[in-house]
Amino acid sequence: MSNKIWSLLRIAIGLIFLWAFLDKVFGLGYATKEAASWVNGGSPTSGFLSHATGPFASFFQGLAGSPIIDWVFMLSLLCLGWALVLGIGLKLAGCGGATLMLLMWAALLPV
């Protein structure tokens, strides 16, 4: 029973990453409007990183809108989502997900 719960939780978190990916790519209207979607020329990182706060704000704001950072971020969301949903490479996905969340947290450290 416990394994089933953990599996469902893993799949649910994977679907959250996939939803974030799809929303950024197509602008499904949840966090990204269609006009700002990646397929319409928007940057998936500019909205979040341009509003970074705290001691690392200038570093993260400098990364906002960079095509390389956009690609790395989007591939991270896609690969993390698929790995968690399919149950493959979970140790690598866990480390990658923790790193992604740590970097997002660091971008919003309180002043």
PDB file of N, CA and C in Angstrom:
ATOM      1  N   MET A   1       0.827  -1.208   0.000  1.00  0.00           N
ATOM      2  CA  MET A   1       0.000   0.000   0.000  1.00  0.00           C
ATOM      3  C   MET A   1       0.862   1.260   0.000  1.00  0.00           C
ATOM      4  N   SER A   2       1.904   1.265   0.803  1.00  0.00           N
ATOM      5  CA  SER A   2       2.770   2.431   0.898  1.00  0.00           C
ATOM      6  C   SER A   2       3.461   2.724  -0.433  1.00  0.00           C
ATOM      7  N   ASN A   3       3.883   1.677  -1.146  1.00  0.00           N
ATOM      8  CA  ASN A   3       4.527   1.876  -2.440  1.00  0.00           C
ATOM      9  C   ASN A   3       3.582   2.505  -3.450  1.00  0.00           C
ATOM     10  N   LYS A   4       2.308   2.135  -3.390  1.00  0.00           N
ATOM     11  CA  LYS A   4       1.330   2.715  -4.308  1.00  0.00           C
ATOM     12  C   LYS A   4       1.150   4.208  -4.036  1.00  0.00           C
ATOM     13  N   ILE A   5       1.131   4.581  -2.781  1.00  0.00           N
ATOM     14  CA  ILE A   5       0.978   5.995  -2.422  1.00  0.00           C
ATOM     15  C   ILE A   5       2.178   6.796  -2.902  1.00  0.00           C
ATOM     16  N   TRP A   6       3.396   6.274  -2.659  1.00  0.00           N
ATOM     17  CA  TRP A   6       4.597   6.967  -3.109  1.00  0.00           C
ATOM     18  C   TRP A   6       4.637   7.069  -4.636  1.00  0.00           C
ATOM     19  N   SER A   7       4.196   6.028  -5.316  1.00  0.00           N
ATOM     20  CA  SER A   7       4.169   6.051  -6.780  1.00  0.00           C
ATOM     21  C   SER A   7       3.186   7.098  -7.296  1.00  0.00           C
ATOM     22  N   LEU A   8       2.019   7.173  -6.682  1.00  0.00           N
ATOM     23  CA  LEU A   8       1.036   8.177  -7.088  1.00  0.00           C
ATOM     24  C   LEU A   8       1.536   9.593  -6.818  1.00  0.00           C
ATOM     25  N   LEU A   9       2.209   9.766  -5.701  1.00  0.00           N
ATOM     26  CA  LEU A   9       2.772  11.068  -5.369  1.00  0.00           C
ATOM     27  C   LEU A   9       3.867  11.448  -6.365  1.00  0.00           C
ATOM     28  N   ARG A  10       4.720  10.501  -6.730  1.00  0.00           N
ATOM     29  CA  ARG A  10       5.784  10.727  -7.712  1.00  0.00           C
ATOM     30  C   ARG A  10       5.188  11.118  -9.063  1.00  0.00           C
ATOM     31  N   ILE A  11       4.167  10.412  -9.486  1.00  0.00           N
ATOM     32  CA  ILE A  11       3.519  10.701 -10.762  1.00  0.00           C
ATOM     33  C   ILE A  11       2.846  12.078 -10.726  1.00  0.00           C
ATOM     34  N   ALA A  12       2.211  12.407  -9.612  1.00  0.00           N
ATOM     35  CA  ALA A  12       1.553  13.715  -9.480  1.00  0.00           C
ATOM     36  C   ALA A  12       2.574  14.848  -9.577  1.00  0.00           C
ATOM     37  N   ILE A  13       3.719  14.703  -8.933  1.00  0.00           N
ATOM     38  CA  ILE A  13       4.757  15.734  -9.007  1.00  0.00           C
ATOM     39  C   ILE A  13       5.303  15.819 -10.429  1.00  0.00           C
ATOM     40  N   GLY A  14       5.462  14.665 -11.080  1.00  0.00           N
ATOM     41  CA  GLY A  14       5.904  14.667 -12.474  1.00  0.00           C
ATOM     42  C   GLY A  14       4.925  15.393 -13.381  1.00  0.00           C
ATOM     43  N   LEU A  15       3.644  15.211 -13.140  1.00  0.00           N
ATOM     44  CA  LEU A  15       2.628  15.902 -13.935  1.00  0.00           C
ATOM     45  C   LEU A  15       2.654  17.409 -13.692  1.00  0.00           C
ATOM     46  N   ILE A  16       3.022  17.824 -12.492  1.00  0.00           N
ATOM     47  CA  ILE A  16       3.158  19.255 -12.209  1.00  0.00           C
ATOM     48  C   ILE A  16       4.287  19.849 -13.053  1.00  0.00           C
ATOM     49  N   PHE A  17       5.419  19.142 -13.126  1.00  0.00           N
ATOM     50  CA  PHE A  17       6.523  19.614 -13.961  1.00  0.00           C
ATOM     51  C   PHE A  17       6.121  19.642 -15.434  1.00  0.00           C
ATOM     52  N   LEU A  18       5.410  18.616 -15.900  1.00  0.00           N
ATOM     53  CA  LEU A  18       4.975  18.587 -17.300  1.00  0.00           C
ATOM     54  C   LEU A  18       3.968  19.699 -17.591  1.00  0.00           C
ATOM     55  N   TRP A  19       3.072  19.969 -16.642  1.00  0.00           N
ATOM     56  CA  TRP A  19       2.110  21.055 -16.817  1.00  0.00           C
ATOM     57  C   TRP A  19       2.831  22.395 -16.926  1.00  0.00           C
ATOM     58  N   ALA A  20       3.829  22.613 -16.082  1.00  0.00           N
ATOM     59  CA  ALA A  20       4.595  23.861 -16.143  1.00  0.00           C
ATOM     60  C   ALA A  20       5.286  23.986 -17.501  1.00  0.00           C
ATOM     61  N   PHE A  21       5.826  22.882 -18.005  1.00  0.00           N
ATOM     62  CA  PHE A  21       6.462  22.887 -19.322  1.00  0.00           C
ATOM     63  C   PHE A  21       5.456  23.261 -20.406  1.00  0.00           C
ATOM     64  N   LEU A  22       4.322  22.582 -20.421  1.00  0.00           N
ATOM     65  CA  LEU A  22       3.312  22.839 -21.451  1.00  0.00           C
ATOM     66  C   LEU A  22       2.758  24.256 -21.364  1.00  0.00           C
ATOM     67  N   ASP A  23       2.571  24.760 -20.148  1.00  0.00           N
ATOM     68  CA  ASP A  23       2.065  26.113 -19.969  1.00  0.00           C
ATOM     69  C   ASP A  23       3.059  27.135 -20.501  1.00  0.00           C
ATOM     70  N   LYS A  24       4.350  26.926 -20.267  1.00  0.00           N
ATOM     71  CA  LYS A  24       5.368  27.850 -20.767  1.00  0.00           C
ATOM     72  C   LYS A  24       5.491  27.772 -22.282  1.00  0.00           C
ATOM     73  N   VAL A  25       5.365  26.574 -22.843  1.00  0.00           N
ATOM     74  CA  VAL A  25       5.516  26.411 -24.293  1.00  0.00           C
ATOM     75  C   VAL A  25       4.333  27.014 -25.039  1.00  0.00           C
ATOM     76  N   PHE A  26       3.126  26.684 -24.626  1.00  0.00           N
ATOM     77  CA  PHE A  26       1.937  27.054 -25.397  1.00  0.00           C
ATOM     78  C   PHE A  26       1.119  28.200 -24.803  1.00  0.00           C
ATOM     79  N   GLY A  27       1.457  28.653 -23.608  1.00  0.00           N
ATOM     80  CA  GLY A  27       0.691  29.735 -22.985  1.00  0.00           C
ATOM     81  C   GLY A  27      -0.745  29.343 -22.743  1.00  0.00           C
ATOM     82  N   LEU A  28      -0.950  28.326 -21.920  1.00  0.00           N
ATOM     83  CA  LEU A  28      -2.286  27.802 -21.681  1.00  0.00           C
ATOM     84  C   LEU A  28      -3.128  28.695 -20.776  1.00  0.00           C
ATOM     85  N   GLY A  29      -2.556  29.794 -20.307  1.00  0.00           N
ATOM     86  CA  GLY A  29      -3.321  30.766 -19.550  1.00  0.00           C
ATOM     87  C   GLY A  29      -3.243  30.620 -18.046  1.00  0.00           C
ATOM     88  N   TYR A  30      -2.528  29.624 -17.533  1.00  0.00           N
ATOM     89  CA  TYR A  30      -2.439  29.487 -16.078  1.00  0.00           C
ATOM     90  C   TYR A  30      -1.404  30.476 -15.533  1.00  0.00           C
ATOM     91  N   ALA A  31      -0.132  30.255 -15.815  1.00  0.00           N
ATOM     92  CA  ALA A  31       0.905  31.191 -15.389  1.00  0.00           C
ATOM     93  C   ALA A  31       1.443  31.994 -16.564  1.00  0.00           C
ATOM     94  N   THR A  32       1.200  31.513 -17.769  1.00  0.00           N
ATOM     95  CA  THR A  32       1.733  32.160 -18.971  1.00  0.00           C
ATOM     96  C   THR A  32       0.590  32.437 -19.940  1.00  0.00           C
ATOM     97  N   LYS A  33       0.468  33.674 -20.316  1.00  0.00           N
ATOM     98  CA  LYS A  33      -0.544  34.027 -21.313  1.00  0.00           C
ATOM     99  C   LYS A  33      -0.059  33.588 -22.698  1.00  0.00           C
ATOM    100  N   GLU A  34      -1.007  33.347 -23.600  1.00  0.00           N
ATOM    101  CA  GLU A  34      -0.664  32.834 -24.925  1.00  0.00           C
ATOM    102  C   GLU A  34       0.314  33.751 -25.660  1.00  0.00           C
ATOM    103  N   ALA A  35       0.154  35.048 -25.524  1.00  0.00           N
ATOM    104  CA  ALA A  35       1.043  35.990 -26.213  1.00  0.00           C
ATOM    105  C   ALA A  35       2.476  35.903 -25.707  1.00  0.00           C
ATOM    106  N   ALA A  36       2.661  35.468 -24.463  1.00  0.00           N
ATOM    107  CA  ALA A  36       4.000  35.374 -23.872  1.00  0.00           C
ATOM    108  C   ALA A  36       4.574  33.959 -23.941  1.00  0.00           C
ATOM    109  N   SER A  37       3.900  33.052 -24.646  1.00  0.00           N
ATOM    110  CA  SER A  37       4.368  31.665 -24.699  1.00  0.00           C
ATOM    111  C   SER A  37       5.663  31.545 -25.487  1.00  0.00           C
ATOM    112  N   TRP A  38       6.340  30.442 -25.292  1.00  0.00           N
ATOM    113  CA  TRP A  38       7.615  30.199 -25.956  1.00  0.00           C
ATOM    114  C   TRP A  38       7.424  30.085 -27.466  1.00  0.00           C
ATOM    115  N   VAL A  39       6.354  29.454 -27.916  1.00  0.00           N
ATOM    116  CA  VAL A  39       6.113  29.313 -29.353  1.00  0.00           C
ATOM    117  C   VAL A  39       5.767  30.647 -30.016  1.00  0.00           C
ATOM    118  N   ASN A  40       5.338  31.618 -29.237  1.00  0.00           N
ATOM    119  CA  ASN A  40       5.036  32.948 -29.775  1.00  0.00           C
ATOM    120  C   ASN A  40       6.171  33.932 -29.534  1.00  0.00           C
ATOM    121  N   GLY A  41       7.365  33.412 -29.233  1.00  0.00           N
ATOM    122  CA  GLY A  41       8.541  34.268 -29.083  1.00  0.00           C
ATOM    123  C   GLY A  41       8.816  34.766 -27.684  1.00  0.00           C
ATOM    124  N   GLY A  42       8.038  34.350 -26.707  1.00  0.00           N
ATOM    125  CA  GLY A  42       8.279  34.760 -25.327  1.00  0.00           C
ATOM    126  C   GLY A  42       9.426  33.982 -24.703  1.00  0.00           C
ATOM    127  N   SER A  43       9.904  34.462 -23.599  1.00  0.00           N
ATOM    128  CA  SER A  43      10.976  33.788 -22.865  1.00  0.00           C
ATOM    129  C   SER A  43      10.398  33.149 -21.610  1.00  0.00           C
ATOM    130  N   PRO A  44      10.593  31.833 -21.424  1.00  0.00           N
ATOM    131  CA  PRO A  44      10.042  31.177 -20.249  1.00  0.00           C
ATOM    132  C   PRO A  44      10.695  31.601 -18.933  1.00  0.00           C
ATOM    133  N   THR A  45      11.880  32.212 -19.002  1.00  0.00           N
ATOM    134  CA  THR A  45      12.570  32.583 -17.768  1.00  0.00           C
ATOM    135  C   THR A  45      12.493  34.071 -17.442  1.00  0.00           C
ATOM    136  N   SER A  46      12.150  34.888 -18.410  1.00  0.00           N
ATOM    137  CA  SER A  46      12.236  36.336 -18.178  1.00  0.00           C
ATOM    138  C   SER A  46      11.254  36.829 -17.123  1.00  0.00           C
ATOM    139  N   GLY A  47      10.051  36.293 -17.095  1.00  0.00           N
ATOM    140  CA  GLY A  47       9.064  36.760 -16.123  1.00  0.00           C
ATOM    141  C   GLY A  47       9.474  36.506 -14.689  1.00  0.00           C
ATOM    142  N   PHE A  48       9.997  35.311 -14.424  1.00  0.00           N
ATOM    143  CA  PHE A  48      10.380  34.942 -13.064  1.00  0.00           C
ATOM    144  C   PHE A  48      11.713  35.576 -12.678  1.00  0.00           C
ATOM    145  N   LEU A  49      12.715  35.397 -13.517  1.00  0.00           N
ATOM    146  CA  LEU A  49      14.059  35.845 -13.148  1.00  0.00           C
ATOM    147  C   LEU A  49      14.214  37.362 -13.145  1.00  0.00           C
ATOM    148  N   SER A  50      13.450  38.064 -13.961  1.00  0.00           N
ATOM    149  CA  SER A  50      13.575  39.524 -13.973  1.00  0.00           C
ATOM    150  C   SER A  50      13.041  40.154 -12.686  1.00  0.00           C
ATOM    151  N   HIS A  51      12.271  39.397 -11.908  1.00  0.00           N
ATOM    152  CA  HIS A  51      11.750  39.888 -10.631  1.00  0.00           C
ATOM    153  C   HIS A  51      12.456  39.256  -9.436  1.00  0.00           C
ATOM    154  N   ALA A  52      13.655  38.729  -9.659  1.00  0.00           N
ATOM    155  CA  ALA A  52      14.418  38.116  -8.568  1.00  0.00           C
ATOM    156  C   ALA A  52      14.735  39.158  -7.502  1.00  0.00           C
ATOM    157  N   THR A  53      14.793  38.696  -6.251  1.00  0.00           N
ATOM    158  CA  THR A  53      15.091  39.578  -5.128  1.00  0.00           C
ATOM    159  C   THR A  53      16.212  38.963  -4.302  1.00  0.00           C
ATOM    160  N   GLY A  54      16.701  39.704  -3.350  1.00  0.00           N
ATOM    161  CA  GLY A  54      17.682  39.179  -2.427  1.00  0.00           C
ATOM    162  C   GLY A  54      19.114  39.402  -2.876  1.00  0.00           C
ATOM    163  N   PRO A  55      20.040  38.735  -2.198  1.00  0.00           N
ATOM    164  CA  PRO A  55      21.464  38.979  -2.446  1.00  0.00           C
ATOM    165  C   PRO A  55      21.947  38.519  -3.826  1.00  0.00           C
ATOM    166  N   PHE A  56      21.243  37.612  -4.465  1.00  0.00           N
ATOM    167  CA  PHE A  56      21.651  37.107  -5.781  1.00  0.00           C
ATOM    168  C   PHE A  56      20.817  37.699  -6.915  1.00  0.00           C
ATOM    169  N   ALA A  57      20.057  38.745  -6.628  1.00  0.00           N
ATOM    170  CA  ALA A  57      19.119  39.308  -7.599  1.00  0.00           C
ATOM    171  C   ALA A  57      19.806  39.718  -8.894  1.00  0.00           C
ATOM    172  N   SER A  58      20.927  40.400  -8.803  1.00  0.00           N
ATOM    173  CA  SER A  58      21.579  40.876 -10.031  1.00  0.00           C
ATOM    174  C   SER A  58      22.063  39.708 -10.887  1.00  0.00           C
ATOM    175  N   PHE A  59      22.528  38.633 -10.251  1.00  0.00           N
ATOM    176  CA  PHE A  59      22.961  37.451 -11.001  1.00  0.00           C
ATOM    177  C   PHE A  59      21.789  36.832 -11.756  1.00  0.00           C
ATOM    178  N   PHE A  60      20.682  36.588 -11.055  1.00  0.00           N
ATOM    179  CA  PHE A  60      19.528  35.958 -11.682  1.00  0.00           C
ATOM    180  C   PHE A  60      18.861  36.878 -12.706  1.00  0.00           C
ATOM    181  N   GLN A  61      18.813  38.165 -12.440  1.00  0.00           N
ATOM    182  CA  GLN A  61      18.237  39.102 -13.401  1.00  0.00           C
ATOM    183  C   GLN A  61      19.064  39.158 -14.679  1.00  0.00           C
ATOM    184  N   GLY A  62      20.378  38.964 -14.557  1.00  0.00           N
ATOM    185  CA  GLY A  62      21.242  38.913 -15.732  1.00  0.00           C
ATOM    186  C   GLY A  62      20.984  37.684 -16.600  1.00  0.00           C
ATOM    187  N   LEU A  63      20.481  36.612 -15.995  1.00  0.00           N
ATOM    188  CA  LEU A  63      20.179  35.389 -16.743  1.00  0.00           C
ATOM    189  C   LEU A  63      18.824  35.445 -17.441  1.00  0.00           C
ATOM    190  N   ALA A  64      17.966  36.347 -17.013  1.00  0.00           N
ATOM    191  CA  ALA A  64      16.590  36.419 -17.534  1.00  0.00           C
ATOM    192  C   ALA A  64      16.585  36.654 -19.034  1.00  0.00           C
ATOM    193  N   GLY A  65      15.843  35.807 -19.738  1.00  0.00           N
ATOM    194  CA  GLY A  65      15.674  35.971 -21.172  1.00  0.00           C
ATOM    195  C   GLY A  65      16.781  35.407 -22.032  1.00  0.00           C
ATOM    196  N   SER A  66      17.825  34.855 -21.435  1.00  0.00           N
ATOM    197  CA  SER A  66      18.915  34.260 -22.212  1.00  0.00           C
ATOM    198  C   SER A  66      18.416  32.996 -22.908  1.00  0.00           C
ATOM    199  N   PRO A  67      18.650  32.871 -24.216  1.00  0.00           N
ATOM    200  CA  PRO A  67      18.180  31.678 -24.925  1.00  0.00           C
ATOM    201  C   PRO A  67      18.746  30.369 -24.364  1.00  0.00           C
ATOM    202  N   ILE A  68      19.981  30.398 -23.928  1.00  0.00           N
ATOM    203  CA  ILE A  68      20.583  29.178 -23.362  1.00  0.00           C
ATOM    204  C   ILE A  68      19.888  28.810 -22.062  1.00  0.00           C
ATOM    205  N   ILE A  69      19.644  29.785 -21.214  1.00  0.00           N
ATOM    206  CA  ILE A  69      18.965  29.539 -19.942  1.00  0.00           C
ATOM    207  C   ILE A  69      17.531  29.081 -20.197  1.00  0.00           C
ATOM    208  N   ASP A  70      16.877  29.670 -21.195  1.00  0.00           N
ATOM    209  CA  ASP A  70      15.522  29.239 -21.557  1.00  0.00           C
ATOM    210  C   ASP A  70      15.508  27.753 -21.932  1.00  0.00           C
ATOM    211  N   TRP A  71      16.438  27.345 -22.791  1.00  0.00           N
ATOM    212  CA  TRP A  71      16.505  25.943 -23.221  1.00  0.00           C
ATOM    213  C   TRP A  71      16.822  25.003 -22.062  1.00  0.00           C
ATOM    214  N   VAL A  72      17.775  25.382 -21.223  1.00  0.00           N
ATOM    215  CA  VAL A  72      18.132  24.527 -20.079  1.00  0.00           C
ATOM    216  C   VAL A  72      16.942  24.385 -19.136  1.00  0.00           C
ATOM    217  N   PHE A  73      16.256  25.485 -18.854  1.00  0.00           N
ATOM    218  CA  PHE A  73      15.104  25.452 -17.961  1.00  0.00           C
ATOM    219  C   PHE A  73      13.986  24.579 -18.526  1.00  0.00           C
ATOM    220  N   MET A  74      13.677  24.776 -19.802  1.00  0.00           N
ATOM    221  CA  MET A  74      12.582  24.013 -20.408  1.00  0.00           C
ATOM    222  C   MET A  74      12.917  22.528 -20.518  1.00  0.00           C
ATOM    223  N   LEU A  75      14.145  22.208 -20.893  1.00  0.00           N
ATOM    224  CA  LEU A  75      14.544  20.795 -20.941  1.00  0.00           C
ATOM    225  C   LEU A  75      14.522  20.180 -19.551  1.00  0.00           C
ATOM    226  N   SER A  76      14.870  20.962 -18.538  1.00  0.00           N
ATOM    227  CA  SER A  76      14.811  20.471 -17.159  1.00  0.00           C
ATOM    228  C   SER A  76      13.381  20.124 -16.766  1.00  0.00           C
ATOM    229  N   LEU A  77      12.450  21.026 -17.060  1.00  0.00           N
ATOM    230  CA  LEU A  77      11.049  20.749 -16.732  1.00  0.00           C
ATOM    231  C   LEU A  77      10.548  19.501 -17.457  1.00  0.00           C
ATOM    232  N   LEU A  78      10.857  19.394 -18.743  1.00  0.00           N
ATOM    233  CA  LEU A  78      10.390  18.265 -19.543  1.00  0.00           C
ATOM    234  C   LEU A  78      10.995  16.945 -19.057  1.00  0.00           C
ATOM    235  N   CYS A  79      12.310  16.923 -18.881  1.00  0.00           N
ATOM    236  CA  CYS A  79      12.979  15.676 -18.471  1.00  0.00           C
ATOM    237  C   CYS A  79      12.593  15.265 -17.052  1.00  0.00           C
ATOM    238  N   LEU A  80      12.487  16.228 -16.151  1.00  0.00           N
ATOM    239  CA  LEU A  80      12.061  15.904 -14.787  1.00  0.00           C
ATOM    240  C   LEU A  80      10.643  15.348 -14.784  1.00  0.00           C
ATOM    241  N   GLY A  81       9.763  15.981 -15.533  1.00  0.00           N
ATOM    242  CA  GLY A  81       8.379  15.512 -15.596  1.00  0.00           C
ATOM    243  C   GLY A  81       8.284  14.095 -16.125  1.00  0.00           C
ATOM    244  N   TRP A  82       8.928  13.826 -17.259  1.00  0.00           N
ATOM    245  CA  TRP A  82       8.858  12.478 -17.840  1.00  0.00           C
ATOM    246  C   TRP A  82       9.522  11.441 -16.953  1.00  0.00           C
ATOM    247  N   ALA A  83      10.659  11.786 -16.349  1.00  0.00           N
ATOM    248  CA  ALA A  83      11.348  10.825 -15.486  1.00  0.00           C
ATOM    249  C   ALA A  83      10.472  10.439 -14.297  1.00  0.00           C
ATOM    250  N   LEU A  84       9.817  11.413 -13.691  1.00  0.00           N
ATOM    251  CA  LEU A  84       8.973  11.117 -12.533  1.00  0.00           C
ATOM    252  C   LEU A  84       7.708  10.358 -12.925  1.00  0.00           C
ATOM    253  N   VAL A  85       7.104  10.729 -14.036  1.00  0.00           N
ATOM    254  CA  VAL A  85       5.888  10.041 -14.466  1.00  0.00           C
ATOM    255  C   VAL A  85       6.193   8.596 -14.862  1.00  0.00           C
ATOM    256  N   LEU A  86       7.290   8.394 -15.595  1.00  0.00           N
ATOM    257  CA  LEU A  86       7.629   7.050 -16.074  1.00  0.00           C
ATOM    258  C   LEU A  86       8.413   6.221 -15.057  1.00  0.00           C
ATOM    259  N   GLY A  87       8.962   6.873 -14.043  1.00  0.00           N
ATOM    260  CA  GLY A  87       9.714   6.148 -13.018  1.00  0.00           C
ATOM    261  C   GLY A  87      11.098   5.726 -13.468  1.00  0.00           C
ATOM    262  N   ILE A  88      11.702   6.485 -14.364  1.00  0.00           N
ATOM    263  CA  ILE A  88      13.043   6.146 -14.840  1.00  0.00           C
ATOM    264  C   ILE A  88      14.041   7.205 -14.378  1.00  0.00           C
ATOM    265  N   GLY A  89      15.243   6.778 -14.051  1.00  0.00           N
ATOM    266  CA  GLY A  89      16.281   7.702 -13.626  1.00  0.00           C
ATOM    267  C   GLY A  89      15.885   8.531 -12.429  1.00  0.00           C
ATOM    268  N   LEU A  90      15.278   7.887 -11.453  1.00  0.00           N
ATOM    269  CA  LEU A  90      14.704   8.652 -10.339  1.00  0.00           C
ATOM    270  C   LEU A  90      15.749   9.328  -9.465  1.00  0.00           C
ATOM    271  N   LYS A  91      16.910   8.715  -9.294  1.00  0.00           N
ATOM    272  CA  LYS A  91      17.948   9.363  -8.480  1.00  0.00           C
ATOM    273  C   LYS A  91      18.445  10.628  -9.173  1.00  0.00           C
ATOM    274  N   LEU A  92      18.675  10.526 -10.473  1.00  0.00           N
ATOM    275  CA  LEU A  92      19.108  11.690 -11.234  1.00  0.00           C
ATOM    276  C   LEU A  92      18.004  12.752 -11.264  1.00  0.00           C
ATOM    277  N   ALA A  93      16.763  12.327 -11.459  1.00  0.00           N
ATOM    278  CA  ALA A  93      15.635  13.255 -11.466  1.00  0.00           C
ATOM    279  C   ALA A  93      15.472  13.915 -10.103  1.00  0.00           C
ATOM    280  N   GLY A  94      15.673  13.167  -9.043  1.00  0.00           N
ATOM    281  CA  GLY A  94      15.574  13.738  -7.700  1.00  0.00           C
ATOM    282  C   GLY A  94      16.629  14.808  -7.462  1.00  0.00           C
ATOM    283  N   CYS A  95      17.855  14.521  -7.870  1.00  0.00           N
ATOM    284  CA  CYS A  95      18.932  15.505  -7.723  1.00  0.00           C
ATOM    285  C   CYS A  95      18.675  16.723  -8.606  1.00  0.00           C
ATOM    286  N   GLY A  96      18.222  16.489  -9.828  1.00  0.00           N
ATOM    287  CA  GLY A  96      17.927  17.597 -10.737  1.00  0.00           C
ATOM    288  C   GLY A  96      16.775  18.448 -10.248  1.00  0.00           C
ATOM    289  N   GLY A  97      15.726  17.802  -9.763  1.00  0.00           N
ATOM    290  CA  GLY A  97      14.583  18.543  -9.241  1.00  0.00           C
ATOM    291  C   GLY A  97      14.939  19.357  -8.013  1.00  0.00           C
ATOM    292  N   ALA A  98      15.742  18.762  -7.132  1.00  0.00           N
ATOM    293  CA  ALA A  98      16.172  19.488  -5.936  1.00  0.00           C
ATOM    294  C   ALA A  98      17.041  20.689  -6.315  1.00  0.00           C
ATOM    295  N   THR A  99      17.896  20.520  -7.312  1.00  0.00           N
ATOM    296  CA  THR A  99      18.745  21.619  -7.772  1.00  0.00           C
ATOM    297  C   THR A  99      17.899  22.730  -8.388  1.00  0.00           C
ATOM    298  N   LEU A 100      16.934  22.359  -9.207  1.00  0.00           N
ATOM    299  CA  LEU A 100      16.055  23.354  -9.821  1.00  0.00           C
ATOM    300  C   LEU A 100      15.283  24.131  -8.755  1.00  0.00           C
ATOM    301  N   MET A 101      14.736  23.434  -7.783  1.00  0.00           N
ATOM    302  CA  MET A 101      13.984  24.104  -6.720  1.00  0.00           C
ATOM    303  C   MET A 101      14.895  24.985  -5.859  1.00  0.00           C
ATOM    304  N   LEU A 102      16.123  24.540  -5.601  1.00  0.00           N
ATOM    305  CA  LEU A 102      17.078  25.335  -4.827  1.00  0.00           C
ATOM    306  C   LEU A 102      17.423  26.624  -5.563  1.00  0.00           C
ATOM    307  N   LEU A 103      17.646  26.532  -6.881  1.00  0.00           N
ATOM    308  CA  LEU A 103      17.958  27.734  -7.649  1.00  0.00           C
ATOM    309  C   LEU A 103      16.769  28.695  -7.698  1.00  0.00           C
ATOM    310  N   MET A 104      15.569  28.161  -7.825  1.00  0.00           N
ATOM    311  CA  MET A 104      14.384  29.033  -7.832  1.00  0.00           C
ATOM    312  C   MET A 104      14.181  29.695  -6.467  1.00  0.00           C
ATOM    313  N   TRP A 105      14.468  28.949  -5.406  1.00  0.00           N
ATOM    314  CA  TRP A 105      14.365  29.507  -4.067  1.00  0.00           C
ATOM    315  C   TRP A 105      15.422  30.604  -3.867  1.00  0.00           C
ATOM    316  N   ALA A 106      16.644  30.354  -4.367  1.00  0.00           N
ATOM    317  CA  ALA A 106      17.731  31.334  -4.220  1.00  0.00           C
ATOM    318  C   ALA A 106      17.415  32.634  -4.955  1.00  0.00           C
ATOM    319  N   ALA A 107      16.647  32.537  -6.039  1.00  0.00           N
ATOM    320  CA  ALA A 107      16.283  33.741  -6.790  1.00  0.00           C
ATOM    321  C   ALA A 107      15.302  34.613  -6.032  1.00  0.00           C
ATOM    322  N   LEU A 108      14.636  34.072  -5.032  1.00  0.00           N
ATOM    323  CA  LEU A 108      13.626  34.820  -4.289  1.00  0.00           C
ATOM    324  C   LEU A 108      13.940  34.955  -2.799  1.00  0.00           C
ATOM    325  N   LEU A 109      15.218  34.869  -2.455  1.00  0.00           N
ATOM    326  CA  LEU A 109      15.590  35.040  -1.046  1.00  0.00           C
ATOM    327  C   LEU A 109      15.107  36.388  -0.551  1.00  0.00           C
ATOM    328  N   PRO A 110      14.605  36.446   0.665  1.00  0.00           N
ATOM    329  CA  PRO A 110      14.162  37.732   1.191  1.00  0.00           C
ATOM    330  C   PRO A 110      15.358  38.679   1.387  1.00  0.00           C
ATOM    331  N   VAL A 111      15.083  39.952   1.225  1.00  0.00           N
ATOM    332  CA  VAL A 111      16.142  40.962   1.358  1.00  0.00           C
ATOM    333  C   VAL A 111      16.575  41.057   2.796  1.00  0.00           C
TER     334      VAL A 111
END
